[in-house]
């Protein structure tokens, strides 16, 4: 039997494992890889290709980088696609593209739908202190993350989980599920299941400003917030008119509520910050324009820091 003809649409690093799994599987032929245009990056703002493009060109795959995917509708129509697989592409796929492949467009989504639909699905379960999350492989329709479900896999969220580590886990699990799920769907062994919209929650796209820490919230909420904002957009606060990133905090909450929220103090020889209910030990932080530091190194360099109020 000849392989199924696929196009793959994705952009960031977490999409690479799924593409790699399909490239390595002789049941599929990747006839096109669609990704975002190269973007300026780094201090020198050098034009940089997306990770998916780097992987694709390294495997001699044809790469398309339209500003809008609708611009390549005619090219895709001529490829006689069985399906388009979409993983973190960062564009809405219009109906004109959804209708092109024989079996439609299949999305690998980073939550247990319908619980979290939208953009910030890696951050949402950590923010809400959920015990588990998962991966959903679904058919795409004209609305955002509302299509029928093909397969799901859940897993526990660890105490130290960040959005970054969660993304890596989801990429690995999605890559393992994807090839056999596609084959089972193409060959009629999976019946797509409609989502129950009553349990749906939408989470919007984050900006850098969304990483601002609110120290007037309970310490557990702030601890979850720091992990959810790591590595992007990062959790940050103000000190003496400068941005201070809080890169890592101890997951164990200190039961002390004796200072003004945001006030820094010494606890067992290390740095702590008061929240509304309880306090947090800071494990790693970075002042604007400086390198990341542990609390001991930071306090040696900024001896007036203790006693300041963050906000």
C-alpha atoms as a PDB file:
ATOM      1  CA  UNK A   1       0.000   0.000   0.000  1.00  0.00           C
ATOM      2  CA  UNK A   2       1.365   3.418  -0.912  1.00  0.00           C
ATOM      3  CA  UNK A   3       1.917   5.875   1.957  1.00  0.00           C
ATOM      4  CA  UNK A   4      -0.634   8.477   2.943  1.00  0.00           C
ATOM      5  CA  UNK A   5       0.202  11.932   1.619  1.00  0.00           C
ATOM      6  CA  UNK A   6       0.446  14.536   4.385  1.00  0.00           C
ATOM      7  CA  UNK A   7       1.235  18.198   4.766  1.00  0.00           C
ATOM      8  CA  UNK A   8       2.463  19.312   8.171  1.00  0.00           C
ATOM      9  CA  UNK A   9       1.772  22.782   9.608  1.00  0.00           C
ATOM     10  CA  UNK A  10       3.719  23.824  12.701  1.00  0.00           C
ATOM     11  CA  UNK A  11       6.193  26.388  13.958  1.00  0.00           C
ATOM     12  CA  UNK A  12       7.912  26.061  17.391  1.00  0.00           C
ATOM     13  CA  UNK A  13      10.250  23.489  18.867  1.00  0.00           C
ATOM     14  CA  UNK A  14       7.434  21.536  20.547  1.00  0.00           C
ATOM     15  CA  UNK A  15       6.012  20.716  17.097  1.00  0.00           C
ATOM     16  CA  UNK A  16       9.231  19.031  15.928  1.00  0.00           C
ATOM     17  CA  UNK A  17       8.730  15.617  17.639  1.00  0.00           C
ATOM     18  CA  UNK A  18       5.400  15.087  15.861  1.00  0.00           C
ATOM     19  CA  UNK A  19       6.917  15.915  12.470  1.00  0.00           C
ATOM     20  CA  UNK A  20       9.899  13.704  13.231  1.00  0.00           C
ATOM     21  CA  UNK A  21       7.600  10.796  14.112  1.00  0.00           C
ATOM     22  CA  UNK A  22       5.755  11.113  10.802  1.00  0.00           C
ATOM     23  CA  UNK A  23       8.969  11.446   8.768  1.00  0.00           C
ATOM     24  CA  UNK A  24      10.311   8.267  10.381  1.00  0.00           C
ATOM     25  CA  UNK A  25       7.131   6.280   9.632  1.00  0.00           C
ATOM     26  CA  UNK A  26       7.050   4.676   6.177  1.00  0.00           C
ATOM     27  CA  UNK A  27       3.243   4.716   6.202  1.00  0.00           C
ATOM     28  CA  UNK A  28       3.360   8.468   5.524  1.00  0.00           C
ATOM     29  CA  UNK A  29       4.861  10.769   2.912  1.00  0.00           C
ATOM     30  CA  UNK A  30       5.375  14.382   3.982  1.00  0.00           C
ATOM     31  CA  UNK A  31       4.884  16.292   0.751  1.00  0.00           C
ATOM     32  CA  UNK A  32       4.923  19.802   2.269  1.00  0.00           C
ATOM     33  CA  UNK A  33       5.822  21.522   5.531  1.00  0.00           C
ATOM     34  CA  UNK A  34       4.025  24.785   6.271  1.00  0.00           C
ATOM     35  CA  UNK A  35       5.425  27.162   8.859  1.00  0.00           C
ATOM     36  CA  UNK A  36       5.599  30.836   9.779  1.00  0.00           C
ATOM     37  CA  UNK A  37       7.969  33.209   7.974  1.00  0.00           C
ATOM     38  CA  UNK A  38      11.503  33.706   9.334  1.00  0.00           C
ATOM     39  CA  UNK A  39      11.516  36.311  12.114  1.00  0.00           C
ATOM     40  CA  UNK A  40      14.151  38.610  13.677  1.00  0.00           C
ATOM     41  CA  UNK A  41      15.514  37.110  16.906  1.00  0.00           C
ATOM     42  CA  UNK A  42      18.270  37.646  19.457  1.00  0.00           C
ATOM     43  CA  UNK A  43      20.059  40.833  20.425  1.00  0.00           C
ATOM     44  CA  UNK A  44      21.126  41.504  16.848  1.00  0.00           C
ATOM     45  CA  UNK A  45      17.637  40.750  15.501  1.00  0.00           C
ATOM     46  CA  UNK A  46      19.006  38.364  12.894  1.00  0.00           C
ATOM     47  CA  UNK A  47      16.437  36.764  10.599  1.00  0.00           C
ATOM     48  CA  UNK A  48      15.908  33.317  12.132  1.00  0.00           C
ATOM     49  CA  UNK A  49      13.978  30.327  10.743  1.00  0.00           C
ATOM     50  CA  UNK A  50      11.341  28.587  12.899  1.00  0.00           C
ATOM     51  CA  UNK A  51      12.489  25.269  14.439  1.00  0.00           C
ATOM     52  CA  UNK A  52      10.143  23.351  12.149  1.00  0.00           C
ATOM     53  CA  UNK A  53      11.800  24.860   9.075  1.00  0.00           C
ATOM     54  CA  UNK A  54      15.248  23.943  10.387  1.00  0.00           C
ATOM     55  CA  UNK A  55      14.160  20.328  10.883  1.00  0.00           C
ATOM     56  CA  UNK A  56      12.362  20.166   7.532  1.00  0.00           C
ATOM     57  CA  UNK A  57      15.231  21.519   5.457  1.00  0.00           C
ATOM     58  CA  UNK A  58      17.547  19.104   7.233  1.00  0.00           C
ATOM     59  CA  UNK A  59      15.370  16.264   5.935  1.00  0.00           C
ATOM     60  CA  UNK A  60      14.984  17.620   2.393  1.00  0.00           C
ATOM     61  CA  UNK A  61      11.298  18.442   2.827  1.00  0.00           C
ATOM     62  CA  UNK A  62       9.577  21.180   0.832  1.00  0.00           C
ATOM     63  CA  UNK A  63       8.894  24.199   3.060  1.00  0.00           C
ATOM     64  CA  UNK A  64       6.181  26.813   2.544  1.00  0.00           C
ATOM     65  CA  UNK A  65       6.159  30.033   4.615  1.00  0.00           C
ATOM     66  CA  UNK A  66       3.119  32.125   3.663  1.00  0.00           C
ATOM     67  CA  UNK A  67       2.076  35.158   5.663  1.00  0.00           C
ATOM     68  CA  UNK A  68      -1.390  33.582   5.610  1.00  0.00           C
ATOM     69  CA  UNK A  69      -1.986  29.929   4.841  1.00  0.00           C
ATOM     70  CA  UNK A  70      -4.888  30.857   2.510  1.00  0.00           C
ATOM     71  CA  UNK A  71      -2.263  32.233   0.108  1.00  0.00           C
ATOM     72  CA  UNK A  72      -1.087  28.699  -0.721  1.00  0.00           C
ATOM     73  CA  UNK A  73      -4.524  27.089  -1.155  1.00  0.00           C
ATOM     74  CA  UNK A  74      -3.945  26.379  -4.856  1.00  0.00           C
ATOM     75  CA  UNK A  75      -0.550  24.798  -4.180  1.00  0.00           C
ATOM     76  CA  UNK A  76      -2.001  22.559  -1.478  1.00  0.00           C
ATOM     77  CA  UNK A  77      -4.938  21.586  -3.694  1.00  0.00           C
ATOM     78  CA  UNK A  78      -2.523  20.280  -6.284  1.00  0.00           C
ATOM     79  CA  UNK A  79      -0.778  17.985  -3.781  1.00  0.00           C
ATOM     80  CA  UNK A  80      -3.746  15.574  -3.468  1.00  0.00           C
ATOM     81  CA  UNK A  81      -3.389  15.430   0.295  1.00  0.00           C
ATOM     82  CA  UNK A  82      -4.886  12.771   2.519  1.00  0.00           C
ATOM     83  CA  UNK A  83      -4.583  15.080   5.545  1.00  0.00           C
ATOM     84  CA  UNK A  84      -2.925  18.171   6.948  1.00  0.00           C
ATOM     85  CA  UNK A  85      -1.468  17.664  10.418  1.00  0.00           C
ATOM     86  CA  UNK A  86      -1.366  20.844  12.515  1.00  0.00           C
ATOM     87  CA  UNK A  87       0.777  21.259  15.644  1.00  0.00           C
ATOM     88  CA  UNK A  88       1.213  24.734  17.164  1.00  0.00           C
ATOM     89  CA  UNK A  89       1.113  26.463  13.786  1.00  0.00           C
ATOM     90  CA  UNK A  90      -0.063  29.808  15.279  1.00  0.00           C
ATOM     91  CA  UNK A  91      -2.547  30.645  12.537  1.00  0.00           C
ATOM     92  CA  UNK A  92      -6.269  30.047  12.219  1.00  0.00           C
ATOM     93  CA  UNK A  93      -6.868  27.561   9.388  1.00  0.00           C
ATOM     94  CA  UNK A  94      -9.688  28.846   7.116  1.00  0.00           C
ATOM     95  CA  UNK A  95     -12.474  26.600   5.877  1.00  0.00           C
ATOM     96  CA  UNK A  96     -11.054  26.733   2.342  1.00  0.00           C
ATOM     97  CA  UNK A  97      -7.963  24.868   3.615  1.00  0.00           C
ATOM     98  CA  UNK A  98      -9.822  22.587   6.045  1.00  0.00           C
ATOM     99  CA  UNK A  99     -11.871  21.220   3.151  1.00  0.00           C
ATOM    100  CA  UNK A 100      -8.911  20.379   0.895  1.00  0.00           C
ATOM    101  CA  UNK A 101      -7.539  17.053   2.249  1.00  0.00           C
ATOM    102  CA  UNK A 102      -9.421  13.777   1.820  1.00  0.00           C
ATOM    103  CA  UNK A 103      -9.571  13.166   5.581  1.00  0.00           C
ATOM    104  CA  UNK A 104      -9.491  16.786   6.696  1.00  0.00           C
ATOM    105  CA  UNK A 105      -7.075  18.540   9.053  1.00  0.00           C
ATOM    106  CA  UNK A 106      -5.877  16.838  12.234  1.00  0.00           C
ATOM    107  CA  UNK A 107      -4.645  18.879  15.208  1.00  0.00           C
ATOM    108  CA  UNK A 108      -2.455  17.794  18.120  1.00  0.00           C
ATOM    109  CA  UNK A 109      -3.723  19.960  20.989  1.00  0.00           C
ATOM    110  CA  UNK A 110      -2.026  20.439  24.366  1.00  0.00           C
ATOM    111  CA  UNK A 111      -4.938  19.893  26.742  1.00  0.00           C
ATOM    112  CA  UNK A 112      -7.727  17.473  27.569  1.00  0.00           C
ATOM    113  CA  UNK A 113     -10.426  19.034  25.418  1.00  0.00           C
ATOM    114  CA  UNK A 114     -12.870  20.553  25.914  1.00  0.00           C
ATOM    115  CA  UNK A 115     -11.368  21.776  29.206  1.00  0.00           C
ATOM    116  CA  UNK A 116      -8.912  24.288  27.735  1.00  0.00           C
ATOM    117  CA  UNK A 117      -9.387  25.709  24.267  1.00  0.00           C
ATOM    118  CA  UNK A 118      -7.293  28.528  22.824  1.00  0.00           C
ATOM    119  CA  UNK A 119      -3.662  29.609  23.076  1.00  0.00           C
ATOM    120  CA  UNK A 120      -2.358  29.407  26.663  1.00  0.00           C
ATOM    121  CA  UNK A 121      -3.281  25.749  27.196  1.00  0.00           C
ATOM    122  CA  UNK A 122       0.121  24.865  28.693  1.00  0.00           C
ATOM    123  CA  UNK A 123      -0.133  27.616  31.296  1.00  0.00           C
ATOM    124  CA  UNK A 124      -3.795  27.160  32.254  1.00  0.00           C
ATOM    125  CA  UNK A 125      -3.630  23.821  34.136  1.00  0.00           C
ATOM    126  CA  UNK A 126      -0.611  25.020  36.149  1.00  0.00           C
ATOM    127  CA  UNK A 127      -2.282  28.339  36.963  1.00  0.00           C
ATOM    128  CA  UNK A 128      -5.334  26.449  38.191  1.00  0.00           C
ATOM    129  CA  UNK A 129      -3.254  23.939  40.179  1.00  0.00           C
ATOM    130  CA  UNK A 130      -4.787  21.017  38.261  1.00  0.00           C
ATOM    131  CA  UNK A 131      -3.607  17.534  39.130  1.00  0.00           C
ATOM    132  CA  UNK A 132      -3.527  16.363  35.515  1.00  0.00           C
ATOM    133  CA  UNK A 133      -3.619  17.513  31.924  1.00  0.00           C
ATOM    134  CA  UNK A 134      -3.064  15.768  28.611  1.00  0.00           C
ATOM    135  CA  UNK A 135      -2.952  15.661  24.833  1.00  0.00           C
ATOM    136  CA  UNK A 136      -5.904  15.579  22.445  1.00  0.00           C
ATOM    137  CA  UNK A 137      -5.736  14.574  18.782  1.00  0.00           C
ATOM    138  CA  UNK A 138      -8.760  16.031  17.041  1.00  0.00           C
ATOM    139  CA  UNK A 139     -10.315  16.902  13.701  1.00  0.00           C
ATOM    140  CA  UNK A 140     -10.342  20.616  13.006  1.00  0.00           C
ATOM    141  CA  UNK A 141     -13.443  22.618  12.125  1.00  0.00           C
ATOM    142  CA  UNK A 142     -14.081  26.314  11.476  1.00  0.00           C
ATOM    143  CA  UNK A 143     -14.155  27.208  15.196  1.00  0.00           C
ATOM    144  CA  UNK A 144     -11.278  27.241  17.680  1.00  0.00           C
ATOM    145  CA  UNK A 145     -10.516  23.785  19.148  1.00  0.00           C
ATOM    146  CA  UNK A 146     -14.128  22.607  18.878  1.00  0.00           C
ATOM    147  CA  UNK A 147     -13.727  19.686  16.455  1.00  0.00           C
ATOM    148  CA  UNK A 148     -14.421  15.992  17.145  1.00  0.00           C
ATOM    149  CA  UNK A 149     -11.890  14.074  19.246  1.00  0.00           C
ATOM    150  CA  UNK A 150      -9.939  11.130  17.810  1.00  0.00           C
ATOM    151  CA  UNK A 151      -7.791  10.209  20.819  1.00  0.00           C
ATOM    152  CA  UNK A 152      -6.699  11.553  24.208  1.00  0.00           C
ATOM    153  CA  UNK A 153      -3.966  10.720  26.696  1.00  0.00           C
ATOM    154  CA  UNK A 154      -3.802  12.179  30.221  1.00  0.00           C
ATOM    155  CA  UNK A 155      -0.838  12.470  32.582  1.00  0.00           C
ATOM    156  CA  UNK A 156      -0.127  13.901  36.038  1.00  0.00           C
ATOM    157  CA  UNK A 157       1.263  17.400  36.594  1.00  0.00           C
ATOM    158  CA  UNK A 158       4.320  17.261  38.852  1.00  0.00           C
ATOM    159  CA  UNK A 159       4.980  19.589  41.791  1.00  0.00           C
ATOM    160  CA  UNK A 160       7.752  21.409  39.909  1.00  0.00           C
ATOM    161  CA  UNK A 161       6.046  21.486  36.503  1.00  0.00           C
ATOM    162  CA  UNK A 162       6.499  24.587  34.360  1.00  0.00           C
ATOM    163  CA  UNK A 163       4.871  25.484  31.076  1.00  0.00           C
ATOM    164  CA  UNK A 164       8.199  24.600  29.465  1.00  0.00           C
ATOM    165  CA  UNK A 165       8.467  21.090  30.918  1.00  0.00           C
ATOM    166  CA  UNK A 166       4.773  20.522  30.254  1.00  0.00           C
ATOM    167  CA  UNK A 167       5.291  21.422  26.599  1.00  0.00           C
ATOM    168  CA  UNK A 168       8.137  18.928  26.323  1.00  0.00           C
ATOM    169  CA  UNK A 169       6.003  16.149  27.813  1.00  0.00           C
ATOM    170  CA  UNK A 170       3.101  16.942  25.531  1.00  0.00           C
ATOM    171  CA  UNK A 171       5.364  16.989  22.486  1.00  0.00           C
ATOM    172  CA  UNK A 172       6.725  13.553  23.386  1.00  0.00           C
ATOM    173  CA  UNK A 173       3.312  12.032  24.106  1.00  0.00           C
ATOM    174  CA  UNK A 174       1.729  13.608  21.036  1.00  0.00           C
ATOM    175  CA  UNK A 175       4.495  12.228  18.822  1.00  0.00           C
ATOM    176  CA  UNK A 176       3.905   8.715  20.176  1.00  0.00           C
ATOM    177  CA  UNK A 177       0.123   8.886  19.718  1.00  0.00           C
ATOM    178  CA  UNK A 178      -0.029  10.603  16.347  1.00  0.00           C
ATOM    179  CA  UNK A 179       1.047   7.998  13.743  1.00  0.00           C
ATOM    180  CA  UNK A 180      -1.220   5.138  14.869  1.00  0.00           C
ATOM    181  CA  UNK A 181      -4.098   7.534  15.546  1.00  0.00           C
ATOM    182  CA  UNK A 182      -3.902   8.798  11.968  1.00  0.00           C
ATOM    183  CA  UNK A 183      -3.841   5.274  10.539  1.00  0.00           C
ATOM    184  CA  UNK A 184      -6.750   4.140  12.714  1.00  0.00           C
ATOM    185  CA  UNK A 185      -8.759   7.187  11.659  1.00  0.00           C
ATOM    186  CA  UNK A 186      -7.948   6.842   7.957  1.00  0.00           C
ATOM    187  CA  UNK A 187      -8.881   3.157   8.012  1.00  0.00           C
ATOM    188  CA  UNK A 188     -12.138   3.651   9.892  1.00  0.00           C
ATOM    189  CA  UNK A 189     -11.164   2.130  13.232  1.00  0.00           C
ATOM    190  CA  UNK A 190     -11.773   5.400  15.137  1.00  0.00           C
ATOM    191  CA  UNK A 191     -15.157   7.084  15.324  1.00  0.00           C
ATOM    192  CA  UNK A 192     -14.654  10.811  16.025  1.00  0.00           C
ATOM    193  CA  UNK A 193     -16.360  11.889  19.264  1.00  0.00           C
ATOM    194  CA  UNK A 194     -18.080  15.271  19.527  1.00  0.00           C
ATOM    195  CA  UNK A 195     -16.972  17.534  22.385  1.00  0.00           C
ATOM    196  CA  UNK A 196     -19.297  18.535  25.216  1.00  0.00           C
ATOM    197  CA  UNK A 197     -19.314  22.307  24.944  1.00  0.00           C
ATOM    198  CA  UNK A 198     -20.738  22.697  28.463  1.00  0.00           C
ATOM    199  CA  UNK A 199     -17.282  21.924  29.886  1.00  0.00           C
ATOM    200  CA  UNK A 200     -15.312  24.191  27.555  1.00  0.00           C
ATOM    201  CA  UNK A 201     -13.009  26.969  28.780  1.00  0.00           C
ATOM    202  CA  UNK A 202     -11.194  29.406  26.491  1.00  0.00           C
ATOM    203  CA  UNK A 203      -7.719  30.693  27.398  1.00  0.00           C
ATOM    204  CA  UNK A 204      -6.349  33.621  25.445  1.00  0.00           C
ATOM    205  CA  UNK A 205      -2.890  34.391  24.117  1.00  0.00           C
ATOM    206  CA  UNK A 206      -0.409  35.725  26.675  1.00  0.00           C
ATOM    207  CA  UNK A 207       1.692  38.879  26.364  1.00  0.00           C
ATOM    208  CA  UNK A 208       4.801  39.946  28.271  1.00  0.00           C
ATOM    209  CA  UNK A 209       2.654  42.175  30.471  1.00  0.00           C
ATOM    210  CA  UNK A 210       0.679  39.145  31.657  1.00  0.00           C
ATOM    211  CA  UNK A 211       3.744  37.961  33.591  1.00  0.00           C
ATOM    212  CA  UNK A 212       3.465  40.710  36.230  1.00  0.00           C
ATOM    213  CA  UNK A 213       3.228  39.101  39.680  1.00  0.00           C
ATOM    214  CA  UNK A 214       0.465  40.150  42.076  1.00  0.00           C
ATOM    215  CA  UNK A 215       1.946  39.693  45.555  1.00  0.00           C
ATOM    216  CA  UNK A 216      -1.429  40.419  47.168  1.00  0.00           C
ATOM    217  CA  UNK A 217      -2.569  36.932  46.146  1.00  0.00           C
ATOM    218  CA  UNK A 218      -2.020  33.833  48.335  1.00  0.00           C
ATOM    219  CA  UNK A 219       1.464  32.329  48.123  1.00  0.00           C
ATOM    220  CA  UNK A 220       0.227  29.116  46.488  1.00  0.00           C
ATOM    221  CA  UNK A 221      -1.388  31.090  43.666  1.00  0.00           C
ATOM    222  CA  UNK A 222       1.814  33.073  43.142  1.00  0.00           C
ATOM    223  CA  UNK A 223       3.894  29.865  43.166  1.00  0.00           C
ATOM    224  CA  UNK A 224       1.643  28.354  40.478  1.00  0.00           C
ATOM    225  CA  UNK A 225       1.814  31.617  38.526  1.00  0.00           C
ATOM    226  CA  UNK A 226       5.628  31.620  38.444  1.00  0.00           C
ATOM    227  CA  UNK A 227       5.722  28.042  37.107  1.00  0.00           C
ATOM    228  CA  UNK A 228       2.996  28.764  34.551  1.00  0.00           C
ATOM    229  CA  UNK A 229       4.851  31.808  33.199  1.00  0.00           C
ATOM    230  CA  UNK A 230       8.137  29.877  32.845  1.00  0.00           C
ATOM    231  CA  UNK A 231       9.867  30.124  30.411  1.00  0.00           C
ATOM    232  CA  UNK A 232       7.574  32.612  28.641  1.00  0.00           C
ATOM    233  CA  UNK A 233       6.442  35.299  29.155  1.00  0.00           C
ATOM    234  CA  UNK A 234       8.288  34.833  32.491  1.00  0.00           C
ATOM    235  CA  UNK A 235       7.033  35.990  35.891  1.00  0.00           C
ATOM    236  CA  UNK A 236       8.309  39.420  36.828  1.00  0.00           C
ATOM    237  CA  UNK A 237       7.921  42.256  39.292  1.00  0.00           C
ATOM    238  CA  UNK A 238       9.208  45.801  39.841  1.00  0.00           C
ATOM    239  CA  UNK A 239      12.006  46.782  42.208  1.00  0.00           C
ATOM    240  CA  UNK A 240      13.447  50.324  42.337  1.00  0.00           C
ATOM    241  CA  UNK A 241      12.004  51.049  38.894  1.00  0.00           C
ATOM    242  CA  UNK A 242      13.582  47.983  37.261  1.00  0.00           C
ATOM    243  CA  UNK A 243      12.101  44.710  36.107  1.00  0.00           C
ATOM    244  CA  UNK A 244      13.037  41.702  38.188  1.00  0.00           C
ATOM    245  CA  UNK A 245      12.283  38.256  36.787  1.00  0.00           C
ATOM    246  CA  UNK A 246      11.420  35.550  39.299  1.00  0.00           C
ATOM    247  CA  UNK A 247      12.682  32.469  37.495  1.00  0.00           C
ATOM    248  CA  UNK A 248      12.107  29.825  40.156  1.00  0.00           C
ATOM    249  CA  UNK A 249      10.499  29.556  43.583  1.00  0.00           C
ATOM    250  CA  UNK A 250      10.346  26.748  46.122  1.00  0.00           C
ATOM    251  CA  UNK A 251       7.065  24.804  45.765  1.00  0.00           C
ATOM    252  CA  UNK A 252       6.791  24.518  49.552  1.00  0.00           C
ATOM    253  CA  UNK A 253       4.900  27.469  51.018  1.00  0.00           C
ATOM    254  CA  UNK A 254       6.156  29.181  54.190  1.00  0.00           C
ATOM    255  CA  UNK A 255       3.315  29.706  56.645  1.00  0.00           C
ATOM    256  CA  UNK A 256       4.397  33.227  57.568  1.00  0.00           C
ATOM    257  CA  UNK A 257       2.142  36.256  57.083  1.00  0.00           C
ATOM    258  CA  UNK A 258       3.796  39.058  59.013  1.00  0.00           C
ATOM    259  CA  UNK A 259       4.921  41.590  56.394  1.00  0.00           C
ATOM    260  CA  UNK A 260       3.375  43.761  53.726  1.00  0.00           C
ATOM    261  CA  UNK A 261       2.713  41.760  50.498  1.00  0.00           C
ATOM    262  CA  UNK A 262       5.762  41.965  48.264  1.00  0.00           C
ATOM    263  CA  UNK A 263       8.238  42.677  51.050  1.00  0.00           C
ATOM    264  CA  UNK A 264      11.535  40.781  50.859  1.00  0.00           C
ATOM    265  CA  UNK A 265      13.077  39.217  53.966  1.00  0.00           C
ATOM    266  CA  UNK A 266      15.563  36.581  55.101  1.00  0.00           C
ATOM    267  CA  UNK A 267      14.177  33.157  56.006  1.00  0.00           C
ATOM    268  CA  UNK A 268      16.576  30.390  57.097  1.00  0.00           C
ATOM    269  CA  UNK A 269      19.486  32.293  55.496  1.00  0.00           C
ATOM    270  CA  UNK A 270      17.818  32.628  52.119  1.00  0.00           C
ATOM    271  CA  UNK A 271      15.561  35.068  50.290  1.00  0.00           C
ATOM    272  CA  UNK A 272      11.800  35.073  50.806  1.00  0.00           C
ATOM    273  CA  UNK A 273       8.921  37.304  49.690  1.00  0.00           C
ATOM    274  CA  UNK A 274       5.698  37.909  51.583  1.00  0.00           C
ATOM    275  CA  UNK A 275       2.389  37.194  49.836  1.00  0.00           C
ATOM    276  CA  UNK A 276      -1.146  37.802  51.097  1.00  0.00           C
ATOM    277  CA  UNK A 277      -1.335  34.364  52.717  1.00  0.00           C
ATOM    278  CA  UNK A 278       2.042  32.739  53.327  1.00  0.00           C
ATOM    279  CA  UNK A 279       5.444  33.510  51.820  1.00  0.00           C
ATOM    280  CA  UNK A 280       7.677  32.138  49.070  1.00  0.00           C
ATOM    281  CA  UNK A 281      11.350  31.225  48.999  1.00  0.00           C
ATOM    282  CA  UNK A 282      13.043  32.500  45.833  1.00  0.00           C
ATOM    283  CA  UNK A 283      15.416  30.031  44.181  1.00  0.00           C
ATOM    284  CA  UNK A 284      16.456  31.963  41.070  1.00  0.00           C
ATOM    285  CA  UNK A 285      15.976  35.520  39.823  1.00  0.00           C
ATOM    286  CA  UNK A 286      17.259  37.955  37.215  1.00  0.00           C
ATOM    287  CA  UNK A 287      17.458  41.732  37.374  1.00  0.00           C
ATOM    288  CA  UNK A 288      16.893  43.651  34.161  1.00  0.00           C
ATOM    289  CA  UNK A 289      20.094  43.682  32.079  1.00  0.00           C
ATOM    290  CA  UNK A 290      21.863  41.129  34.309  1.00  0.00           C
ATOM    291  CA  UNK A 291      22.433  37.372  34.261  1.00  0.00           C
ATOM    292  CA  UNK A 292      20.212  34.920  36.188  1.00  0.00           C
ATOM    293  CA  UNK A 293      21.419  34.366  39.762  1.00  0.00           C
ATOM    294  CA  UNK A 294      20.726  32.276  42.828  1.00  0.00           C
ATOM    295  CA  UNK A 295      19.501  34.188  45.901  1.00  0.00           C
ATOM    296  CA  UNK A 296      22.860  34.130  47.743  1.00  0.00           C
ATOM    297  CA  UNK A 297      24.774  35.617  44.805  1.00  0.00           C
ATOM    298  CA  UNK A 298      22.008  38.147  44.200  1.00  0.00           C
ATOM    299  CA  UNK A 299      21.972  39.347  47.821  1.00  0.00           C
ATOM    300  CA  UNK A 300      25.763  39.743  47.842  1.00  0.00           C
ATOM    301  CA  UNK A 301      25.540  42.000  44.819  1.00  0.00           C
ATOM    302  CA  UNK A 302      22.473  43.950  45.989  1.00  0.00           C
ATOM    303  CA  UNK A 303      22.857  44.335  49.741  1.00  0.00           C
ATOM    304  CA  UNK A 304      20.037  46.911  49.993  1.00  0.00           C
ATOM    305  CA  UNK A 305      17.554  44.506  48.409  1.00  0.00           C
ATOM    306  CA  UNK A 306      16.358  42.886  51.654  1.00  0.00           C
ATOM    307  CA  UNK A 307      13.459  44.863  53.079  1.00  0.00           C
ATOM    308  CA  UNK A 308      12.421  46.334  49.744  1.00  0.00           C
ATOM    309  CA  UNK A 309       8.824  45.913  48.591  1.00  0.00           C
ATOM    310  CA  UNK A 310       8.279  44.321  45.190  1.00  0.00           C
ATOM    311  CA  UNK A 311       5.341  45.379  43.087  1.00  0.00           C
END
